[in-house]
Protein backbone atom coordinates (compact mmCIF):
# COMPACT_ATOMS: atom_id res chain seq x y z
CA MET A 1 41.87 114.32 -16.61
CA LYS A 2 44.44 115.82 -18.93
CA LEU A 3 43.33 119.38 -19.51
CA LYS A 4 46.14 120.80 -21.55
CA LYS A 5 47.04 119.36 -24.93
CA SER A 6 44.87 116.39 -25.92
CA PHE A 7 41.80 115.44 -23.88
CA ALA A 8 42.06 112.19 -21.91
CA LEU A 9 40.62 109.10 -23.56
CA GLY A 10 38.94 107.87 -20.40
CA THR A 11 37.33 104.48 -20.95
CA ILE A 12 38.84 103.83 -24.35
CA THR A 13 41.51 101.30 -25.25
CA LEU A 14 42.69 100.24 -28.65
CA LEU A 15 42.41 96.62 -29.66
CA SER A 16 45.01 94.62 -27.82
CA VAL A 17 45.47 92.35 -30.84
CA GLY A 18 46.39 94.29 -33.94
CA VAL A 19 48.35 91.97 -36.19
CA LEU A 20 49.17 88.32 -35.54
CA THR A 21 51.75 86.72 -37.79
CA ALA A 22 52.91 83.19 -38.31
CA CYS A 23 56.63 82.69 -37.70
CA GLY A 24 57.41 86.39 -37.98
CA GLY A 25 56.40 86.84 -41.62
CA GLY A 26 55.35 90.08 -43.30
CA SER A 27 53.61 92.06 -40.60
CA GLY A 28 52.15 95.34 -39.58
CA SER A 29 53.58 97.13 -36.55
CA THR A 30 56.61 95.24 -35.22
CA ASP A 31 58.81 95.61 -32.17
CA ASP A 32 61.42 97.58 -34.07
CA SER A 33 58.94 100.05 -35.54
CA LYS A 34 57.39 101.62 -32.49
CA SER A 35 57.31 105.20 -33.66
CA ALA A 36 57.08 107.26 -36.78
CA ASP A 37 60.32 108.97 -35.84
CA SER A 38 62.38 105.84 -36.44
CA SER A 39 60.87 105.03 -39.83
CA SER A 40 63.27 107.19 -41.82
CA THR A 41 66.16 105.08 -40.53
CA LYS A 42 64.72 101.80 -41.87
CA LYS A 43 66.70 100.12 -44.63
CA ALA A 44 64.62 100.13 -47.76
CA SER A 45 66.02 98.21 -50.68
CA GLY A 46 64.82 97.18 -54.10
CA GLU A 47 61.93 98.64 -56.05
CA GLN A 48 59.71 100.61 -53.66
CA ILE A 49 56.38 99.45 -55.08
CA PHE A 50 53.72 97.69 -52.98
CA ARG A 51 51.14 95.71 -55.00
CA VAL A 52 47.85 95.20 -53.16
CA ILE A 53 44.80 93.19 -54.19
CA GLU A 54 41.41 94.56 -53.10
CA GLN A 55 38.25 92.44 -53.28
CA GLN A 56 35.92 95.24 -54.38
CA GLU A 57 35.88 98.45 -56.40
CA MET A 58 36.20 101.76 -54.54
CA PRO A 59 32.73 103.31 -54.15
CA SER A 60 33.85 106.92 -53.58
CA ALA A 61 36.93 109.14 -53.44
CA ASP A 62 34.96 112.04 -51.94
CA LEU A 63 35.82 112.78 -48.28
CA SER A 64 32.23 113.84 -47.55
CA VAL A 65 30.57 110.89 -49.27
CA ALA A 66 32.79 107.87 -48.58
CA THR A 67 31.45 105.26 -46.19
CA ASP A 68 33.45 102.06 -46.69
CA VAL A 69 36.77 100.46 -45.76
CA ILE A 70 38.30 100.60 -49.24
CA SER A 71 37.47 104.26 -49.76
CA PHE A 72 38.65 105.28 -46.30
CA THR A 73 41.97 103.49 -46.79
CA ALA A 74 42.49 105.42 -50.02
CA LEU A 75 41.50 108.75 -48.46
CA ASN A 76 43.67 108.17 -45.40
CA ASN A 77 46.73 107.82 -47.63
CA VAL A 78 46.14 110.67 -50.07
CA TYR A 79 44.76 113.17 -47.56
CA GLU A 80 45.62 114.13 -44.02
CA GLY A 81 43.74 115.68 -41.11
CA LEU A 82 44.87 117.37 -37.93
CA TYR A 83 46.00 114.06 -36.46
CA ARG A 84 47.07 110.66 -37.79
CA LEU A 85 47.30 107.23 -36.14
CA ASP A 86 50.85 105.88 -36.02
CA LEU A 87 52.07 102.28 -36.26
CA ASP A 88 51.05 101.70 -32.63
CA ASN A 89 47.57 103.18 -33.22
CA LYS A 90 48.43 106.23 -31.15
CA VAL A 91 47.25 109.71 -32.12
CA ILE A 92 50.09 111.89 -33.43
CA ILE A 93 50.16 115.32 -35.06
CA ALA A 94 49.85 115.62 -38.83
CA GLY A 95 48.05 118.70 -40.16
CA ALA A 96 48.39 120.19 -36.68
CA ALA A 97 51.67 121.70 -35.55
CA GLU A 98 51.11 120.40 -32.01
CA MET A 99 48.42 118.65 -29.98
CA ALA A 100 45.38 120.81 -29.34
CA GLU A 101 45.02 123.01 -26.30
CA VAL A 102 41.77 122.03 -24.55
CA ASN A 103 39.87 124.11 -22.01
CA GLU A 104 39.01 122.96 -18.48
CA ASP A 105 35.67 121.32 -19.30
CA GLY A 106 36.92 119.65 -22.48
CA THR A 107 34.64 121.55 -24.86
CA VAL A 108 36.94 124.00 -26.67
CA TYR A 109 39.94 122.88 -28.74
CA THR A 110 42.46 125.39 -30.05
CA VAL A 111 44.65 123.96 -32.79
CA LYS A 112 47.68 125.50 -34.47
CA LEU A 113 48.20 124.19 -37.99
CA ASN A 114 51.33 122.76 -39.56
CA GLU A 115 52.36 125.59 -41.88
CA LYS A 116 54.46 123.21 -43.99
CA SER A 117 51.39 121.32 -45.15
CA LYS A 118 50.51 121.97 -48.81
CA TRP A 119 48.01 120.83 -51.40
CA THR A 120 49.33 119.17 -54.54
CA ASP A 121 48.78 122.35 -56.54
CA GLY A 122 51.19 124.17 -54.23
CA GLU A 123 48.61 126.05 -52.19
CA PRO A 124 49.03 125.96 -48.38
CA VAL A 125 46.53 124.02 -46.28
CA LYS A 126 44.72 126.68 -44.29
CA ALA A 127 42.28 126.75 -41.41
CA GLU A 128 39.48 127.71 -43.79
CA ASP A 129 39.93 124.37 -45.58
CA TYR A 130 39.04 122.50 -42.41
CA VAL A 131 36.09 124.79 -41.77
CA TYR A 132 34.78 124.26 -45.31
CA GLY A 133 35.37 120.49 -45.29
CA TRP A 134 33.49 120.02 -42.01
CA GLN A 135 30.64 122.29 -43.07
CA ARG A 136 30.31 120.51 -46.41
CA THR A 137 30.10 117.08 -44.77
CA VAL A 138 27.53 118.08 -42.16
CA ASP A 139 25.41 120.04 -44.66
CA PRO A 140 22.19 118.06 -45.38
CA ALA A 141 22.52 119.11 -49.04
CA THR A 142 25.64 116.94 -49.33
CA ALA A 143 23.66 113.92 -48.10
CA SER A 144 26.69 112.57 -46.26
CA GLU A 145 25.96 109.41 -44.33
CA TYR A 146 28.81 110.38 -42.01
CA GLY A 147 27.28 113.72 -41.10
CA TYR A 148 26.04 112.19 -37.86
CA MET A 149 29.63 111.88 -36.63
CA PHE A 150 29.71 115.65 -36.21
CA ALA A 151 27.05 115.47 -33.48
CA PRO A 152 29.68 116.16 -30.75
CA VAL A 153 30.56 119.47 -32.48
CA LYS A 154 28.44 122.44 -31.49
CA ASN A 155 25.27 122.64 -33.63
CA GLY A 156 26.28 119.52 -35.58
CA GLU A 157 23.04 117.69 -34.85
CA LYS A 158 20.92 120.79 -35.42
CA ILE A 159 22.49 121.34 -38.83
CA ALA A 160 21.90 117.71 -39.79
CA ASN A 161 18.24 118.14 -38.81
CA GLY A 162 17.86 121.36 -40.78
CA GLU A 163 17.54 123.45 -37.61
CA ALA A 164 20.73 125.46 -38.12
CA LYS A 165 22.96 126.52 -41.00
CA PRO A 166 26.26 124.79 -41.81
CA GLU A 167 28.03 128.07 -41.07
CA GLU A 168 26.91 127.69 -37.44
CA LEU A 169 28.98 124.52 -36.91
CA GLY A 170 31.36 124.84 -33.96
CA ILE A 171 34.55 125.33 -35.96
CA LYS A 172 36.09 128.63 -36.99
CA ALA A 173 39.36 129.88 -38.42
CA ILE A 174 41.42 132.20 -36.25
CA GLY A 175 43.67 133.51 -38.96
CA ASP A 176 45.19 131.31 -41.66
CA TYR A 177 46.81 128.72 -39.40
CA GLU A 178 44.71 128.35 -36.26
CA LEU A 179 41.38 126.69 -35.55
CA GLU A 180 38.94 126.90 -32.69
CA ILE A 181 36.62 123.91 -32.30
CA THR A 182 33.70 124.02 -29.87
CA LEU A 183 31.90 120.86 -28.75
CA GLU A 184 28.42 120.41 -27.32
CA GLN A 185 30.02 118.52 -24.43
CA ALA A 186 33.30 116.81 -23.67
CA THR A 187 33.80 113.83 -26.00
CA PRO A 188 36.34 111.24 -24.80
CA TYR A 189 37.11 109.92 -28.28
CA PHE A 190 37.32 113.26 -30.09
CA ASP A 191 41.08 112.99 -30.74
CA TYR A 192 40.36 109.88 -32.81
CA LEU A 193 37.74 111.70 -34.86
CA LEU A 194 40.36 114.27 -35.80
CA ALA A 195 42.37 111.43 -37.39
CA PHE A 196 39.38 110.14 -39.37
CA PRO A 197 38.88 111.04 -43.08
CA SER A 198 35.45 112.64 -42.62
CA PHE A 199 37.21 115.35 -40.57
CA PHE A 200 39.94 116.10 -43.13
CA PRO A 201 40.20 119.48 -44.92
CA GLN A 202 38.73 120.20 -48.37
CA ARG A 203 39.34 123.01 -50.83
CA LYS A 204 36.19 125.00 -51.56
CA ASP A 205 37.48 126.33 -54.89
CA ILE A 206 38.28 122.82 -56.14
CA VAL A 207 34.92 121.42 -55.07
CA GLU A 208 33.09 124.27 -56.78
CA GLN A 209 35.27 124.06 -59.89
CA HIS A 210 34.35 120.41 -60.53
CA GLY A 211 30.80 120.46 -59.17
CA LYS A 212 29.15 117.04 -59.42
CA GLU A 213 32.34 115.62 -60.92
CA TYR A 214 34.42 116.53 -57.86
CA ALA A 215 36.54 113.50 -56.87
CA ALA A 216 34.83 111.39 -59.57
CA THR A 217 38.31 110.77 -60.97
CA SER A 218 41.75 111.17 -59.44
CA GLU A 219 42.35 114.33 -61.51
CA ASN A 220 39.27 116.09 -60.12
CA ALA A 221 40.74 116.80 -56.69
CA VAL A 222 43.86 118.04 -54.93
CA TYR A 223 45.59 116.14 -52.12
CA ASN A 224 47.61 116.91 -49.01
CA GLY A 225 48.66 113.44 -47.82
CA PRO A 226 51.76 111.24 -48.13
CA PHE A 227 50.49 109.95 -51.49
CA VAL A 228 48.49 111.20 -54.47
CA LEU A 229 45.60 109.26 -55.95
CA ASP A 230 46.40 108.29 -59.53
CA GLY A 231 44.61 106.42 -62.29
CA PHE A 232 41.22 106.35 -60.58
CA ASP A 233 38.62 106.54 -63.35
CA GLY A 234 35.32 106.30 -61.53
CA PRO A 235 33.60 105.17 -58.33
CA GLY A 236 32.21 101.65 -58.22
CA THR A 237 33.62 100.63 -61.60
CA ASP A 238 37.40 101.10 -61.76
CA THR A 239 39.46 98.00 -61.00
CA GLU A 240 42.94 99.55 -60.99
CA TRP A 241 44.32 102.68 -59.35
CA SER A 242 47.38 103.66 -57.33
CA TYR A 243 48.78 105.89 -54.60
CA LYS A 244 51.94 107.63 -55.78
CA LYS A 245 54.39 109.33 -53.45
CA ASN A 246 53.61 113.01 -52.96
CA ALA A 247 56.94 114.79 -53.44
CA ASP A 248 55.49 117.98 -51.94
CA TYR A 249 54.24 116.33 -48.73
CA TRP A 250 55.60 118.10 -45.66
CA ASP A 251 57.06 114.85 -44.30
CA ALA A 252 58.09 113.33 -47.65
CA ASP A 253 61.45 112.17 -46.25
CA THR A 254 59.60 109.63 -44.10
CA VAL A 255 57.69 108.16 -47.06
CA GLN A 256 59.77 105.45 -48.71
CA LEU A 257 57.30 103.80 -51.08
CA ASP A 258 57.18 105.27 -54.56
CA GLU A 259 53.83 103.70 -55.33
CA VAL A 260 51.08 101.48 -53.97
CA LYS A 261 49.38 99.71 -56.89
CA ILE A 262 45.80 98.56 -56.31
CA SER A 263 44.05 95.88 -58.37
CA VAL A 264 40.56 94.49 -57.80
CA VAL A 265 40.34 90.70 -57.91
CA LYS A 266 37.20 89.14 -56.45
CA GLU A 267 38.20 85.48 -56.72
CA ALA A 268 40.46 84.39 -53.85
CA PRO A 269 42.13 81.53 -55.80
CA THR A 270 43.14 84.01 -58.50
CA SER A 271 44.54 86.36 -55.86
CA LEU A 272 46.58 83.58 -54.29
CA ASN A 273 47.95 82.60 -57.69
CA LEU A 274 49.03 86.20 -58.30
CA PHE A 275 50.77 86.26 -54.92
CA GLN A 276 52.55 82.96 -55.51
CA ASP A 277 53.63 84.12 -58.97
CA GLY A 278 55.14 87.27 -57.49
CA GLN A 279 52.61 89.58 -59.15
CA ALA A 280 51.01 90.71 -55.87
CA ASP A 281 52.44 91.47 -52.42
CA ASP A 282 49.26 91.44 -50.32
CA VAL A 283 46.09 89.40 -50.87
CA ILE A 284 43.13 88.39 -48.67
CA LEU A 285 42.28 84.73 -48.09
CA THR A 286 39.26 83.05 -46.49
CA GLY A 287 37.86 79.56 -45.99
CA GLU A 288 39.81 76.61 -47.33
CA LEU A 289 42.54 78.75 -48.81
CA ALA A 290 43.13 80.52 -45.49
CA GLN A 291 43.29 77.18 -43.69
CA GLN A 292 45.57 75.78 -46.37
CA MET A 293 48.07 78.65 -46.04
CA ALA A 294 47.82 79.12 -42.24
CA ALA A 295 51.25 77.62 -41.55
CA ASP A 296 53.01 79.70 -44.19
CA PRO A 297 55.45 82.25 -42.68
CA GLU A 298 53.93 84.94 -44.90
CA TYR A 299 50.38 84.32 -43.64
CA VAL A 300 49.10 87.20 -41.49
CA ILE A 301 45.92 87.38 -39.37
CA GLN A 302 44.58 90.85 -38.64
CA LYS A 303 41.86 91.04 -36.00
CA GLU A 304 39.60 94.02 -36.49
CA ALA A 305 37.27 96.10 -34.37
CA SER A 306 34.54 95.02 -36.76
CA THR A 307 31.31 93.06 -36.51
CA GLN A 308 29.49 91.49 -39.44
CA TYR A 309 25.75 91.19 -39.03
CA LEU A 310 22.38 90.76 -40.70
CA GLU A 311 20.04 93.74 -40.89
CA LEU A 312 16.39 92.88 -41.34
CA ASN A 313 14.15 95.33 -43.19
CA GLN A 314 11.69 96.72 -40.64
CA ILE A 315 10.80 99.85 -42.61
CA LYS A 316 7.21 98.91 -43.43
CA ASP A 317 4.63 98.52 -40.67
CA ASP A 318 3.63 95.08 -41.96
CA SER A 319 7.21 93.79 -42.18
CA PRO A 320 7.46 90.30 -40.66
CA PHE A 321 10.90 91.26 -39.34
CA LYS A 322 9.31 93.59 -36.80
CA ASN A 323 8.42 90.36 -35.01
CA GLU A 324 10.98 89.65 -32.27
CA ASN A 325 10.32 85.93 -32.26
CA LEU A 326 11.09 85.70 -35.97
CA ARG A 327 14.38 87.56 -35.51
CA LYS A 328 15.32 85.27 -32.63
CA ALA A 329 14.38 82.16 -34.62
CA ILE A 330 16.73 83.23 -37.41
CA SER A 331 19.51 84.02 -34.93
CA TYR A 332 19.24 80.70 -33.05
CA SER A 333 19.46 78.79 -36.32
CA ILE A 334 22.98 80.09 -37.08
CA ASP A 335 26.00 78.27 -35.62
CA ARG A 336 28.62 81.04 -35.39
CA ASP A 337 31.39 78.69 -34.31
CA ALA A 338 30.90 76.55 -37.41
CA LEU A 339 30.70 79.71 -39.51
CA VAL A 340 34.05 81.14 -38.34
CA ASN A 341 35.90 77.84 -38.13
CA SER A 342 34.63 75.86 -41.11
CA ILE A 343 33.47 78.52 -43.55
CA LEU A 344 35.75 81.52 -42.93
CA GLY A 345 38.84 80.00 -41.32
CA ASP A 346 40.60 83.37 -41.35
CA GLY A 347 40.85 84.11 -37.64
CA SER A 348 37.38 85.63 -37.31
CA VAL A 349 35.63 84.76 -34.03
CA ALA A 350 32.08 84.18 -32.87
CA PRO A 351 30.66 87.42 -31.40
CA LYS A 352 29.31 88.08 -27.92
CA GLY A 353 27.17 90.95 -29.15
CA LEU A 354 27.10 93.88 -31.56
CA VAL A 355 30.16 95.61 -30.04
CA PRO A 356 33.38 93.62 -30.70
CA ALA A 357 35.68 92.29 -28.00
CA ASP A 358 39.07 93.76 -27.07
CA MET A 359 38.12 97.32 -27.97
CA SER A 360 36.98 99.10 -24.80
CA THR A 361 37.09 98.46 -21.06
CA ASN A 362 35.08 99.34 -17.95
CA PRO A 363 36.50 102.54 -16.38
CA ASP A 364 36.14 101.06 -12.90
CA THR A 365 36.85 97.32 -13.21
CA ASP A 366 38.80 97.22 -16.49
CA ALA A 367 36.46 94.46 -17.70
CA ASP A 368 36.01 94.16 -21.44
CA PHE A 369 32.75 95.62 -22.75
CA VAL A 370 31.52 92.21 -23.90
CA GLU A 371 31.98 90.83 -20.37
CA ASP A 372 29.65 93.49 -18.97
CA ALA A 373 27.16 93.60 -21.83
CA GLY A 374 27.38 90.55 -24.01
CA ASP A 375 25.69 87.19 -23.87
CA ASP A 376 26.81 84.09 -25.69
CA ILE A 377 24.93 84.30 -28.97
CA THR A 378 24.45 80.59 -29.37
CA SER A 379 22.91 78.32 -31.94
CA ASP A 380 20.03 76.20 -30.66
CA GLU A 381 17.77 74.46 -33.17
CA LYS A 382 15.19 73.67 -30.49
CA LYS A 383 14.91 77.33 -29.45
CA ALA A 384 14.95 78.36 -33.12
CA ALA A 385 11.94 76.10 -33.80
CA GLU A 386 10.12 77.32 -30.67
CA HIS A 387 10.49 80.99 -31.64
CA TRP A 388 9.49 80.18 -35.22
CA GLU A 389 6.26 78.57 -33.99
CA LYS A 390 5.51 81.65 -31.88
CA ALA A 391 6.29 83.93 -34.82
CA LYS A 392 3.95 82.00 -37.14
CA LYS A 393 1.07 82.40 -34.70
CA GLU A 394 1.74 86.09 -34.11
CA LEU A 395 2.15 86.81 -37.83
CA ASN A 396 -0.64 84.44 -38.87
CA ILE A 397 1.55 82.68 -41.43
CA ASP A 398 2.57 79.10 -42.18
CA SER A 399 5.62 79.83 -44.30
CA LEU A 400 7.98 82.64 -45.19
CA GLU A 401 10.25 83.42 -48.10
CA PHE A 402 12.91 86.12 -48.01
CA ASP A 403 16.10 87.15 -49.79
CA ILE A 404 19.54 87.91 -48.36
CA LEU A 405 21.43 90.69 -50.14
CA SER A 406 25.23 90.59 -49.92
CA SER A 407 28.42 91.58 -51.69
CA ASP A 408 29.67 89.22 -54.36
CA THR A 409 33.09 88.33 -52.95
CA ASP A 410 33.96 84.66 -52.46
CA SER A 411 33.78 84.96 -48.69
CA SER A 412 30.43 86.79 -48.68
CA LYS A 413 28.89 84.23 -50.99
CA LYS A 414 30.15 81.34 -48.87
CA VAL A 415 28.84 82.93 -45.66
CA THR A 416 25.38 83.61 -47.06
CA GLU A 417 25.19 80.13 -48.57
CA TYR A 418 25.93 78.72 -45.12
CA ILE A 419 23.33 80.97 -43.49
CA GLN A 420 20.78 80.02 -46.14
CA GLY A 421 21.23 76.33 -45.40
CA ALA A 422 21.24 76.79 -41.62
CA ILE A 423 17.99 78.76 -41.59
CA GLN A 424 16.20 76.42 -43.98
CA ASP A 425 17.33 73.36 -42.02
CA ALA A 426 16.20 74.77 -38.68
CA LEU A 427 12.97 76.57 -39.65
CA ASP A 428 10.41 74.42 -41.42
CA GLY A 429 8.54 76.39 -44.06
CA VAL A 430 11.20 79.08 -44.52
CA LYS A 431 12.79 79.52 -47.94
CA VAL A 432 15.84 81.77 -48.35
CA THR A 433 17.14 83.11 -51.66
CA LEU A 434 20.45 84.90 -52.17
CA SER A 435 21.39 88.03 -54.11
CA PRO A 436 25.18 88.52 -54.29
CA VAL A 437 25.93 91.84 -56.02
CA PRO A 438 28.93 94.18 -56.46
CA PHE A 439 29.86 96.10 -53.33
CA SER A 440 28.70 99.47 -54.65
CA VAL A 441 25.32 97.99 -55.64
CA ARG A 442 24.92 96.44 -52.20
CA LEU A 443 25.63 99.80 -50.57
CA ASP A 444 23.19 101.60 -52.87
CA ARG A 445 20.39 99.09 -52.31
CA SER A 446 21.03 99.09 -48.56
CA ASN A 447 20.79 102.87 -48.44
CA LYS A 448 17.51 102.78 -50.35
CA GLY A 449 16.03 100.06 -48.15
CA ASP A 450 15.79 97.79 -51.20
CA PHE A 451 16.28 94.45 -49.43
CA ASP A 452 14.61 91.87 -47.20
CA VAL A 453 17.74 91.00 -45.24
CA VAL A 454 21.21 92.38 -45.95
CA MET A 455 24.54 91.05 -44.76
CA GLY A 456 26.80 93.93 -43.94
CA GLY A 457 29.00 95.02 -41.13
CA TRP A 458 30.75 97.84 -39.38
CA GLY A 459 34.33 98.63 -38.49
CA ALA A 460 34.84 101.06 -35.64
CA ASP A 461 35.54 104.62 -36.75
CA TYR A 462 36.90 105.32 -33.27
CA VAL A 463 37.59 103.08 -30.29
CA ASP A 464 34.39 103.39 -28.26
CA PRO A 465 31.20 101.26 -28.08
CA SER A 466 29.17 104.21 -29.34
CA SER A 467 30.78 103.75 -32.76
CA PHE A 468 28.57 100.67 -33.13
CA LEU A 469 25.60 101.41 -30.90
CA ASP A 470 24.88 104.87 -32.34
CA LEU A 471 24.30 103.28 -35.75
CA PHE A 472 20.94 101.88 -34.69
CA ILE A 473 19.42 104.93 -33.07
CA THR A 474 16.07 105.56 -34.72
CA ASP A 475 16.54 107.54 -37.96
CA ASN A 476 20.33 107.17 -38.10
CA SER A 477 21.18 106.92 -41.79
CA TYR A 478 23.16 103.74 -41.15
CA ASN A 479 20.17 102.07 -39.50
CA ARG A 480 19.20 100.68 -42.88
CA GLY A 481 16.69 98.17 -41.54
CA ARG A 482 15.07 100.91 -39.41
CA TYR A 483 15.26 99.05 -36.11
CA SER A 484 13.68 101.25 -33.44
CA ASN A 485 13.48 101.08 -29.65
CA THR A 486 12.73 104.18 -27.58
CA GLU A 487 14.53 102.93 -24.47
CA TYR A 488 17.61 102.11 -26.56
CA ASP A 489 17.58 105.64 -28.01
CA GLU A 490 17.31 107.17 -24.53
CA TYR A 491 20.30 105.28 -23.16
CA LEU A 492 22.46 106.47 -26.04
CA LYS A 493 21.22 110.03 -25.74
CA SER A 494 22.14 109.94 -22.05
CA ALA A 495 25.61 108.59 -22.85
CA ALA A 496 26.18 111.44 -25.28
CA THR A 497 24.77 114.23 -23.12
CA THR A 498 23.75 113.82 -19.46
CA ASN A 499 26.46 111.31 -18.57
CA ALA A 500 29.10 112.31 -21.12
CA ASN A 501 31.46 113.49 -18.34
CA ASP A 502 30.71 110.63 -15.95
CA PRO A 503 32.66 107.61 -17.27
CA GLU A 504 30.96 105.03 -15.06
CA LYS A 505 27.39 106.18 -15.72
CA ARG A 506 28.16 106.59 -19.41
CA TRP A 507 29.49 103.04 -19.45
CA ASP A 508 26.27 101.77 -17.85
CA ASP A 509 24.23 103.57 -20.51
CA LEU A 510 26.21 101.89 -23.27
CA VAL A 511 25.98 98.47 -21.61
CA ASN A 512 22.22 98.79 -21.23
CA ALA A 513 21.82 99.81 -24.87
CA GLU A 514 23.84 96.77 -26.01
CA LYS A 515 21.70 94.47 -23.87
CA ILE A 516 18.53 95.82 -25.48
CA ILE A 517 19.54 95.50 -29.12
CA THR A 518 21.19 92.11 -28.65
CA GLY A 519 18.46 90.85 -26.36
CA GLU A 520 15.75 91.39 -28.96
CA MET A 521 18.00 90.78 -31.98
CA GLY A 522 17.38 94.20 -33.52
CA VAL A 523 20.25 93.20 -35.77
CA ILE A 524 21.77 89.71 -35.85
CA PRO A 525 25.54 89.59 -35.18
CA LEU A 526 27.37 86.94 -37.20
CA TYR A 527 31.07 87.22 -36.39
CA GLN A 528 33.83 89.56 -35.27
CA LYS A 529 35.91 90.01 -38.35
CA ALA A 530 39.52 89.15 -38.91
CA GLU A 531 41.30 89.01 -42.22
CA GLY A 532 43.77 86.40 -43.32
CA HIS A 533 46.40 87.84 -45.63
CA MET A 534 49.30 86.53 -47.61
CA ARG A 535 51.76 89.39 -47.34
CA SER A 536 55.25 89.25 -48.76
CA ALA A 537 57.98 89.16 -46.12
CA LYS A 538 59.77 91.96 -47.97
CA ILE A 539 56.92 94.38 -47.12
CA LYS A 540 57.62 96.11 -43.82
CA ASP A 541 55.65 98.40 -41.49
CA VAL A 542 52.19 98.28 -42.98
CA GLY A 543 50.17 100.48 -40.65
CA PHE A 544 47.05 98.52 -39.66
CA HIS A 545 44.34 100.18 -37.60
CA PRO A 546 41.67 97.89 -36.08
CA ALA A 547 39.51 101.01 -35.69
CA GLY A 548 39.36 103.99 -38.04
CA ALA A 549 40.72 104.09 -41.58
CA GLN A 550 42.15 100.60 -41.87
CA TYR A 551 45.55 101.01 -43.55
CA ASP A 552 48.29 103.62 -43.55
CA TYR A 553 51.24 103.26 -45.92
CA LYS A 554 53.15 106.34 -44.81
CA TRP A 555 55.77 104.21 -43.01
CA THR A 556 55.68 101.14 -45.27
CA TYR A 557 58.77 100.14 -47.21
CA VAL A 558 60.21 97.26 -49.24
CA SER A 559 63.30 95.43 -48.04
CA GLU A 560 64.44 92.84 -50.57
């Protein structure tokens, strides 16, 4: 155990496959870009503008409220926390002057701040800004869905439950440029949390000045990251915004891009046309288009620590989805191999369980988590029919009709159309309707429980199985279908408390929890996500993080 500086990561490993490229085309981290220190020596040439196509609008630019990949990418580039992930997905200092000093039992972190760090209005970033930002996010009044991530911090869970005040959170300023953070118990992945946007600093005076309009537009906030958010006119509606270089950033010499221009285009064929016409540098492809472009030297596959799944609404006592046989019937009707190969075609793979492969390993045997916990989630029409017959008897029904809510991107619509057909073909008497809606609407309806079945997913916020498994603890805000199993909850509680300092026992707790939720199909895993991109070969050193905030453009540059 490393007791001075950063706490050891124990059982955690980053994804072994970050970015796969065809024929050495435009890539993420490459062999000649192994550290941030070398980035300033790279040869940038031509106009330093990176034009990126997103598939959905950004739902929020508020550090305490954001929950999605698009928002977190934006926040990761215009703000900065104590740490940042580099091009190799290693934790490096950012808002901290050096790695934290940690006490013997791993529960107290003392952090000296980088005194060169400033906000875009010229004010220094101080310890009190971290204290306020953390307290604001964990405060129940903020209604942050990411408040639960502060559970490792002393009193974090009590504050979320209304049993303590936000001021009692285990973080305090020791002068202007030093923090003391106290945890409930040692947390192996805590360094990674310190590089995640929910743990970034916020300015109390700015939040109070703008009130409900804080971060509603790019002008209603101040920033401390490599870039400044510009041209953002409103969450869930704006289709164009940008990240402009922050001239006052403490490490501005490293930042070579002048601007990252974001445009929202939901139709993949349109995106590809823009790329081929030279109007876009990075676009996402799926299905036939991904297969069509797979041999192109500028085609990039990025495998993520992300699982897409179906959540079934079990909120009401009379919900048919409380029936395990019904959930299993639906699961057995879906051929994941056909889904990833014929429908997606973007490098996504069939899952072994809820937790993705290649993310974490057994502390004793080094086996991948899915080897210890996962089963092959197979398609089997015979078993699907058998479980459906059992479900009909137990529910006293002859037929069932339900709706699948999803985002309205091309890929989401194709996936749900496939699932619709597979279920209806395998389960006689079942009718499935589809409701593709804008991303922000899907999130809102999911949060309100306004769905029968919703197709969503999760990308790891930190590289540990708990990033996925904790989602479905009873009453977790992200447990939108309200799956509940007491034994499952107990295993995860044990992993977070009793066995937190015993890597092998903690691992067993996590494995057992995975076996429970997958065994009874509390949620139905669909695929481990990868994204197929067309990325211009002139774009270099795009920081891609399989876990955490997905993209970092601090080291990106254009070389014509």
